[in-house]
Amino acid sequence: MINLIKSTFYNEEGTKKKLCEFIKGSKHLSMGKKCGEFEHAFSKYQGRKYSVMFNSGSSANLALTQSLVNLSLLKRGDKAGFSSLTWSTNVMPLIQADLEPVPIDVSLKSVNVDSKNLLQVLENTDLSALFITNLLGFCADIDKISKICKEKGILLIEDNCESLGSTLNNKKLGNFGLASSFSFFVGHHMSTIEGGMVCTDDEEIYNMLLMVRAHGWDRNLDSKRQDKIRKENNIDDFHAKYTFYCLGYNLRPTEINAFLGLEQLNYIGEITKIRSKNFGLFHNVAKKNRDFYDLDVSHMSFVSNFAYPLVCKDGDLFDEYKRRFVDNCIEIRPIVAGSMVEQPFFRNLNKGKVYKCENAKKANDFGFYFPNFPEMNAEEKNLIVDLLKSG
């Protein structure tokens, strides 16, 4: 069986051994110094000023959305666009923050939102924000999207949970918007078992993220900011540690997650190179097969692929290729979570509203993805290559 992942960590045996030693030698395992070290190291890798670690990528999305609302950068009822082909927790935080989620269709050439998709929505709808998903290691013309958002005063934030290391014009995905989220769940580019991150260059958002992550209190702010917020709210020292200043949650990671993050970050260059090489092998075969919609990555400078998506041109072809992969014991799944417009939670919350995201529906109805992970051996890759050929 070729599963979507083969191991919990890259260099699993060595990582587990180091993890055991770390746990045995640690007196403190709740969020602390090691989390700060990982945040600093990840900021350096990503090329952002600030990083805040969370207990999952989904929590990172929730905290980022709540932070924008707490700072009044977004307000109740504002319309927020999102990629229609995505994961549920890219959409749910918008709903939980009482924003109006507006699905935007994708291009089948990139399985991502492109500037044309965005401009079509903007013809009839004014957006206050766009929470774009950089799906599966790909992007469309996110540089143009960023420019459009700046011109129209739309807050652009990126869900980069599946695209760690990918670049457009040698600029890392996750660096085109005001802030971006990342996931370190098992099977993602690097694993901390559970874990996530938000990166930004904005100091106010950074400090609000620190508060939202831990109940809305000020314990993780620097002393200057603590003094300021306490004076503004007339809080004495006795009550300060148990004062909640804004809407927040408990989304804290542990020192264990951070230790793993620091360890896995040592291998991220190697991991992304192997994923990119595997992708190239599969892509060179798949693009010659007329049974699939063309996937175009020619505009990207580096593709750090998460999993390979296939969108078949009709239902019969979908059934045929799905059968091929299943019969050969290769794990396949819908492309991420399919179209959010088709999901029960979204339909039930938007009764009476009709959203047409035709390409996302094609990906939902006729698409699946198959594994791409660094430990894949030559035999496994050759099997997949054979299955991608037509006939």
Protein backbone atom coordinates (compact mmCIF):
# COMPACT_ATOMS: atom_id res chain seq x y z
CA MET A 1 0.00 0.00 0.00
CA ILE A 2 1.31 3.45 -0.94
CA ASN A 3 -0.23 5.74 1.67
CA LEU A 4 -0.30 9.52 1.51
CA ILE A 5 2.50 9.52 4.08
CA LYS A 6 5.04 6.88 5.05
CA SER A 7 6.38 8.28 8.32
CA THR A 8 5.52 10.74 11.05
CA PHE A 9 8.77 12.68 10.60
CA TYR A 10 11.52 13.02 8.05
CA ASN A 11 14.49 11.01 9.38
CA GLU A 12 12.02 9.38 11.74
CA GLU A 13 14.28 7.09 13.73
CA GLY A 14 16.79 9.83 14.54
CA THR A 15 14.05 12.36 15.28
CA LYS A 16 12.22 10.05 17.69
CA LYS A 17 15.45 9.27 19.53
CA LYS A 18 16.23 12.98 19.96
CA LEU A 19 12.63 13.63 21.02
CA CYS A 20 12.82 11.01 23.79
CA GLU A 21 16.05 12.54 25.06
CA PHE A 22 14.52 16.01 25.00
CA ILE A 23 11.43 14.94 26.95
CA LYS A 24 13.46 13.07 29.57
CA GLY A 25 15.75 16.05 30.07
CA SER A 26 13.04 18.73 30.19
CA LYS A 27 11.42 20.14 33.31
CA HIS A 28 9.06 22.37 31.35
CA LEU A 29 6.95 21.09 28.42
CA SER A 30 4.14 23.64 28.13
CA MET A 31 4.70 26.62 25.84
CA GLY A 32 7.98 28.33 26.66
CA LYS A 33 11.51 29.08 25.49
CA LYS A 34 11.68 26.38 22.82
CA CYS A 35 8.55 27.75 21.13
CA GLY A 36 10.21 31.14 20.91
CA GLU A 37 13.31 29.59 19.38
CA PHE A 38 11.26 27.84 16.71
CA GLU A 39 9.31 31.01 15.94
CA HIS A 40 12.56 32.92 15.45
CA ALA A 41 14.04 30.17 13.25
CA PHE A 42 10.91 29.91 11.14
CA SER A 43 10.79 33.68 10.61
CA LYS A 44 14.35 33.50 9.33
CA TYR A 45 13.48 30.63 6.97
CA GLN A 46 10.32 32.25 5.63
CA GLY A 47 11.81 35.74 5.42
CA ARG A 48 9.23 37.41 7.67
CA LYS A 49 9.75 39.65 10.70
CA TYR A 50 7.41 37.82 13.06
CA SER A 51 6.10 34.30 13.57
CA VAL A 52 3.64 33.00 16.16
CA MET A 53 3.27 29.26 16.71
CA PHE A 54 -0.09 27.57 17.35
CA ASN A 55 -1.32 24.10 18.15
CA SER A 56 -2.50 23.56 14.55
CA GLY A 57 -2.74 25.22 11.17
CA SER A 58 -6.49 25.45 11.65
CA SER A 59 -5.93 27.32 14.91
CA ALA A 60 -3.54 29.60 13.06
CA ASN A 61 -6.33 30.50 10.61
CA LEU A 62 -8.75 31.10 13.48
CA ALA A 63 -6.31 33.29 15.42
CA LEU A 64 -5.37 35.32 12.36
CA THR A 65 -9.01 36.04 11.50
CA GLN A 66 -9.85 36.93 15.11
CA SER A 67 -6.81 39.20 15.34
CA LEU A 68 -7.91 41.20 12.30
CA VAL A 69 -11.35 41.63 13.87
CA ASN A 70 -9.92 42.56 17.28
CA LEU A 71 -7.81 45.25 15.62
CA SER A 72 -10.89 46.54 13.74
CA LEU A 73 -9.18 45.85 10.43
CA LEU A 74 -12.30 43.81 9.72
CA LYS A 75 -15.74 44.30 11.23
CA ARG A 76 -18.93 42.29 11.59
CA GLY A 77 -20.69 41.81 8.26
CA ASP A 78 -17.67 42.56 6.09
CA LYS A 79 -17.41 40.40 2.99
CA ALA A 80 -14.36 38.13 2.89
CA GLY A 81 -13.48 36.19 -0.24
CA PHE A 82 -12.00 32.71 0.02
CA SER A 83 -10.76 30.03 -2.36
CA SER A 84 -13.66 27.71 -3.14
CA LEU A 85 -11.34 24.68 -3.38
CA THR A 86 -9.82 24.49 0.08
CA TRP A 87 -10.07 23.05 3.60
CA SER A 88 -12.99 23.74 5.93
CA THR A 89 -10.97 25.70 8.49
CA ASN A 90 -10.05 28.27 5.87
CA VAL A 91 -13.75 29.19 5.72
CA MET A 92 -15.09 28.47 9.20
CA PRO A 93 -13.10 31.21 11.00
CA LEU A 94 -14.70 33.78 8.67
CA ILE A 95 -18.14 32.53 9.68
CA GLN A 96 -17.19 32.38 13.37
CA ALA A 97 -16.03 36.00 13.20
CA ASP A 98 -19.44 36.99 11.76
CA LEU A 99 -17.97 37.93 8.42
CA GLU A 100 -19.76 37.10 5.19
CA PRO A 101 -17.79 34.42 3.33
CA VAL A 102 -17.73 34.81 -0.46
CA PRO A 103 -16.45 31.79 -2.42
CA ILE A 104 -14.21 32.49 -5.41
CA ASP A 105 -13.82 29.90 -8.13
CA VAL A 106 -10.44 28.46 -9.10
CA SER A 107 -8.70 27.96 -12.41
CA LEU A 108 -8.21 24.33 -13.36
CA LYS A 109 -4.79 25.27 -14.73
CA SER A 110 -3.53 25.92 -11.20
CA VAL A 111 -6.36 24.59 -8.94
CA ASN A 112 -6.03 28.04 -7.34
CA VAL A 113 -7.78 31.40 -7.52
CA ASP A 114 -6.31 33.63 -10.23
CA SER A 115 -6.72 37.35 -10.89
CA LYS A 116 -9.44 36.69 -13.49
CA ASN A 117 -11.52 34.77 -10.94
CA LEU A 118 -11.07 37.56 -8.40
CA LEU A 119 -11.98 40.36 -10.82
CA GLN A 120 -15.15 38.53 -11.86
CA VAL A 121 -16.33 38.48 -8.24
CA LEU A 122 -15.34 42.12 -7.73
CA GLU A 123 -17.62 43.14 -10.60
CA ASN A 124 -20.63 42.52 -8.34
CA THR A 125 -19.22 42.28 -4.81
CA ASP A 126 -17.06 44.58 -2.70
CA LEU A 127 -14.62 42.58 -0.61
CA SER A 128 -12.95 43.78 2.57
CA ALA A 129 -10.61 40.77 2.70
CA LEU A 130 -9.40 37.84 0.64
CA PHE A 131 -8.26 34.70 2.42
CA ILE A 132 -6.56 32.92 -0.45
CA THR A 133 -5.38 29.32 -0.30
CA ASN A 134 -2.11 28.37 -1.98
CA LEU A 135 -3.29 24.86 -2.72
CA LEU A 136 -1.00 21.79 -2.89
CA GLY A 137 2.21 23.77 -3.45
CA PHE A 138 0.80 25.82 -6.34
CA CYS A 139 -0.37 29.35 -6.97
CA ALA A 140 -1.83 31.27 -9.88
CA ASP A 141 -0.82 34.89 -10.51
CA ILE A 142 -0.79 35.81 -6.83
CA ASP A 143 1.53 38.73 -7.61
CA LYS A 144 -1.28 40.30 -9.68
CA ILE A 145 -3.84 39.39 -7.03
CA SER A 146 -1.70 41.16 -4.42
CA LYS A 147 -1.57 44.26 -6.60
CA ILE A 148 -5.34 44.25 -7.13
CA CYS A 149 -5.94 43.92 -3.39
CA LYS A 150 -3.63 46.85 -2.63
CA GLU A 151 -5.31 49.04 -5.24
CA LYS A 152 -8.80 48.23 -3.92
CA GLY A 153 -7.99 48.27 -0.21
CA ILE A 154 -8.65 44.54 0.25
CA LEU A 155 -6.78 42.79 3.06
CA LEU A 156 -4.94 39.84 1.54
CA ILE A 157 -4.05 36.93 3.81
CA GLU A 158 -2.69 33.57 2.68
CA ASP A 159 -3.38 30.03 3.80
CA ASN A 160 0.01 28.56 2.94
CA CYS A 161 -0.44 25.31 4.87
CA GLU A 162 0.25 23.15 1.81
CA SER A 163 2.86 25.25 0.01
CA LEU A 164 5.85 25.59 2.31
CA GLY A 165 8.89 26.39 0.17
CA SER A 166 7.10 27.09 -3.13
CA THR A 167 8.08 30.32 -4.90
CA LEU A 168 6.75 32.66 -7.57
CA ASN A 169 9.40 34.90 -9.15
CA ASN A 170 11.76 33.56 -6.45
CA LYS A 171 9.47 34.99 -3.74
CA LYS A 172 8.13 32.47 -1.24
CA LEU A 173 4.41 31.84 -1.16
CA GLY A 174 3.11 33.14 2.14
CA ASN A 175 4.89 36.46 1.62
CA PHE A 176 2.45 38.12 -0.78
CA GLY A 177 -0.16 39.17 1.77
CA LEU A 178 -0.43 40.92 5.11
CA ALA A 179 0.00 37.62 6.94
CA SER A 180 0.02 33.90 6.21
CA SER A 181 -0.70 30.62 7.97
CA PHE A 182 1.21 27.33 7.91
CA SER A 183 0.49 23.78 9.09
CA PHE A 184 2.90 21.25 10.57
CA PHE A 185 0.38 18.42 10.84
CA VAL A 186 1.61 14.90 10.10
CA GLY A 187 2.02 14.46 6.36
CA HIS A 188 2.67 18.12 5.64
CA HIS A 189 6.04 19.34 4.42
CA MET A 190 7.39 19.21 7.97
CA SER A 191 5.72 17.60 10.94
CA THR A 192 5.46 18.63 14.58
CA ILE A 193 2.64 16.04 14.91
CA GLU A 194 0.19 18.89 15.48
CA GLY A 195 1.18 22.51 14.98
CA GLY A 196 0.83 25.67 12.96
CA MET A 197 2.26 29.15 12.47
CA VAL A 198 1.26 32.64 11.41
CA CYS A 199 3.87 34.88 9.80
CA THR A 200 3.62 38.64 9.28
CA ASP A 201 5.70 41.79 9.03
CA ASP A 202 3.08 43.82 10.91
CA GLU A 203 3.96 44.44 14.57
CA GLU A 204 0.39 45.19 15.69
CA ILE A 205 -0.91 41.95 14.18
CA TYR A 206 1.98 40.05 15.77
CA ASN A 207 1.16 41.32 19.24
CA MET A 208 -2.54 40.70 18.81
CA LEU A 209 -1.78 37.12 17.72
CA LEU A 210 0.14 36.61 20.97
CA MET A 211 -2.94 37.69 22.93
CA VAL A 212 -5.48 35.75 20.87
CA ARG A 213 -3.37 32.58 21.22
CA ALA A 214 -3.60 32.68 25.03
CA HIS A 215 -7.09 33.67 26.21
CA GLY A 216 -6.81 37.36 25.30
CA TRP A 217 -4.40 38.17 28.13
CA ASP A 218 -1.12 40.09 27.94
CA ARG A 219 1.35 37.64 29.49
CA ASN A 220 3.32 37.08 26.30
CA LEU A 221 3.67 40.75 25.37
CA ASP A 222 6.85 42.67 26.15
CA SER A 223 6.88 44.74 29.36
CA LYS A 224 6.42 48.06 27.54
CA ARG A 225 3.23 46.89 25.87
CA GLN A 226 2.00 45.30 29.09
CA ASP A 227 2.40 48.58 30.94
CA LYS A 228 0.57 50.46 28.20
CA ILE A 229 -2.44 48.13 27.98
CA ARG A 230 -2.75 47.91 31.77
CA LYS A 231 -2.74 51.70 32.18
CA GLU A 232 -5.28 52.12 29.38
CA ASN A 233 -7.61 49.68 31.13
CA ASN A 234 -6.80 50.73 34.72
CA ILE A 235 -5.57 47.26 35.73
CA ASP A 236 -3.46 46.84 38.86
CA ASP A 237 -0.56 44.38 39.18
CA PHE A 238 -2.54 41.97 41.36
CA HIS A 239 -5.20 41.36 38.69
CA ALA A 240 -2.98 41.80 35.60
CA LYS A 241 -2.15 38.14 35.01
CA TYR A 242 -5.83 37.23 34.98
CA THR A 243 -7.19 40.08 32.90
CA PHE A 244 -8.57 39.38 29.44
CA TYR A 245 -8.35 42.30 27.03
CA CYS A 246 -9.78 40.89 23.82
CA LEU A 247 -11.51 37.86 22.39
CA GLY A 248 -9.09 34.97 22.47
CA TYR A 249 -8.72 31.21 22.83
CA ASN A 250 -6.30 28.64 24.15
CA LEU A 251 -4.41 27.75 20.97
CA ARG A 252 -0.99 27.26 22.53
CA PRO A 253 1.53 24.69 21.29
CA THR A 254 3.92 22.78 23.53
CA GLU A 255 7.69 22.67 23.86
CA ILE A 256 7.48 19.19 22.32
CA ASN A 257 5.93 20.58 19.13
CA ALA A 258 8.55 23.34 18.99
CA PHE A 259 11.44 20.93 19.53
CA LEU A 260 10.19 18.86 16.61
CA GLY A 261 9.82 21.99 14.50
CA LEU A 262 13.41 23.01 15.10
CA GLU A 263 14.58 19.49 14.32
CA GLN A 264 12.56 19.16 11.11
CA LEU A 265 13.52 22.63 9.93
CA ASN A 266 17.05 21.25 9.53
CA TYR A 267 15.75 19.07 6.69
CA ILE A 268 13.30 21.42 5.00
CA GLY A 269 15.57 22.19 2.04
CA GLU A 270 16.06 18.49 1.39
CA ILE A 271 12.36 17.74 1.86
CA THR A 272 11.16 20.39 -0.59
CA LYS A 273 13.74 19.43 -3.23
CA ILE A 274 12.62 15.80 -3.20
CA ARG A 275 8.95 16.77 -3.34
CA SER A 276 9.71 19.08 -6.27
CA LYS A 277 11.66 16.36 -8.11
CA ASN A 278 8.86 13.83 -7.59
CA PHE A 279 6.35 16.36 -8.83
CA GLY A 280 8.36 16.95 -11.99
CA LEU A 281 8.46 13.22 -12.70
CA PHE A 282 4.68 12.85 -12.36
CA HIS A 283 3.92 16.10 -14.16
CA ASN A 284 5.95 15.22 -17.24
CA VAL A 285 3.73 12.16 -17.73
CA ALA A 286 0.36 13.59 -16.64
CA LYS A 287 0.57 16.65 -18.92
CA LYS A 288 0.79 14.34 -21.97
CA ASN A 289 -2.45 12.61 -21.03
CA ARG A 290 -5.49 14.29 -22.63
CA ASP A 291 -7.80 12.58 -20.14
CA PHE A 292 -6.83 15.22 -17.54
CA TYR A 293 -7.18 18.98 -17.44
CA ASP A 294 -3.78 20.61 -17.96
CA LEU A 295 -1.94 21.73 -14.84
CA ASP A 296 0.32 24.70 -15.63
CA VAL A 297 3.21 25.57 -13.30
CA SER A 298 5.40 27.24 -15.92
CA HIS A 299 5.04 30.62 -14.16
CA MET A 300 6.40 29.27 -10.86
CA SER A 301 10.10 29.35 -9.98
CA PHE A 302 9.90 26.41 -7.54
CA VAL A 303 7.10 23.92 -6.82
CA SER A 304 7.17 22.37 -3.36
CA ASN A 305 4.32 19.97 -4.05
CA PHE A 306 2.12 18.61 -1.25
CA ALA A 307 0.24 15.96 -3.26
CA TYR A 308 -0.46 15.59 -6.98
CA PRO A 309 -3.98 16.53 -8.18
CA LEU A 310 -5.71 14.97 -11.17
CA VAL A 311 -8.92 16.46 -12.57
CA CYS A 312 -10.45 14.14 -15.15
CA LYS A 313 -12.52 15.50 -18.02
CA ASP A 314 -15.65 13.48 -17.25
CA GLY A 315 -17.15 11.07 -14.77
CA ASP A 316 -16.29 7.91 -16.69
CA LEU A 317 -12.60 8.83 -16.82
CA PHE A 318 -12.71 9.74 -13.13
CA ASP A 319 -14.11 6.32 -12.28
CA GLU A 320 -11.51 4.60 -14.48
CA TYR A 321 -8.45 6.34 -13.00
CA LYS A 322 -9.81 6.11 -9.48
CA ARG A 323 -10.18 2.35 -9.99
CA ARG A 324 -6.63 2.08 -11.36
CA PHE A 325 -5.10 3.71 -8.31
CA VAL A 326 -7.25 1.86 -5.78
CA ASP A 327 -6.67 -1.51 -7.45
CA ASN A 328 -2.92 -0.89 -7.21
CA CYS A 329 -3.19 -0.07 -3.49
CA ILE A 330 -2.43 3.65 -3.79
CA GLU A 331 -4.23 5.89 -1.35
CA ILE A 332 -6.19 8.67 -3.02
CA ARG A 333 -8.44 11.40 -1.65
CA PRO A 334 -10.65 14.20 -2.94
CA ILE A 335 -8.59 17.27 -3.84
CA VAL A 336 -8.04 18.64 -0.32
CA ALA A 337 -11.68 18.72 0.80
CA GLY A 338 -13.34 19.46 -2.51
CA SER A 339 -15.49 22.51 -3.17
CA MET A 340 -16.65 24.27 -0.02
CA VAL A 341 -19.80 25.35 -1.86
CA GLU A 342 -20.80 21.67 -1.99
CA GLN A 343 -20.14 21.02 1.72
CA PRO A 344 -23.22 20.58 3.98
CA PHE A 345 -22.06 23.15 6.57
CA PHE A 346 -21.78 25.84 3.87
CA ARG A 347 -25.05 24.96 2.14
CA ASN A 348 -26.93 24.93 5.45
CA LEU A 349 -25.55 28.31 6.48
CA ASN A 350 -26.28 29.89 3.10
CA LYS A 351 -29.78 28.65 2.32
CA GLY A 352 -31.29 30.59 -0.54
CA LYS A 353 -27.93 31.77 -1.87
CA VAL A 354 -26.55 30.26 -5.05
CA TYR A 355 -22.81 30.33 -5.65
CA LYS A 356 -21.51 29.07 -8.98
CA CYS A 357 -17.96 27.80 -8.73
CA GLU A 358 -17.94 25.59 -11.79
CA ASN A 359 -14.25 24.71 -11.85
CA ALA A 360 -14.21 23.89 -8.15
CA LYS A 361 -17.21 21.63 -8.75
CA LYS A 362 -15.34 19.81 -11.56
CA ALA A 363 -12.40 19.30 -9.22
CA ASN A 364 -14.87 18.13 -6.57
CA ASP A 365 -16.74 15.69 -8.84
CA PHE A 366 -13.98 14.47 -11.16
CA GLY A 367 -10.78 14.98 -9.18
CA PHE A 368 -8.54 13.28 -6.66
CA TYR A 369 -4.97 13.55 -5.46
CA PHE A 370 -2.32 10.90 -4.92
CA PRO A 371 0.77 10.76 -2.69
CA ASN A 372 4.01 12.70 -2.99
CA PHE A 373 6.34 12.32 -0.03
CA PRO A 374 10.15 12.34 0.35
CA GLU A 375 10.53 8.67 1.32
CA MET A 376 8.84 7.39 -1.85
CA ASN A 377 11.06 4.76 -3.49
CA ALA A 378 11.77 4.18 -7.18
CA GLU A 379 9.39 1.22 -7.46
CA GLU A 380 6.50 3.24 -6.02
CA LYS A 381 7.20 6.20 -8.30
CA ASN A 382 7.45 3.99 -11.39
CA LEU A 383 4.10 2.39 -10.58
CA ILE A 384 2.42 5.79 -10.36
CA VAL A 385 4.05 6.91 -13.61
CA ASP A 386 2.59 3.86 -15.39
CA LEU A 387 -0.88 4.57 -14.01
CA LEU A 388 -0.77 8.16 -15.28
CA LYS A 389 -0.36 7.05 -18.89
CA SER A 390 -3.45 7.01 -21.07
CA GLY A 391 -4.99 3.84 -22.42
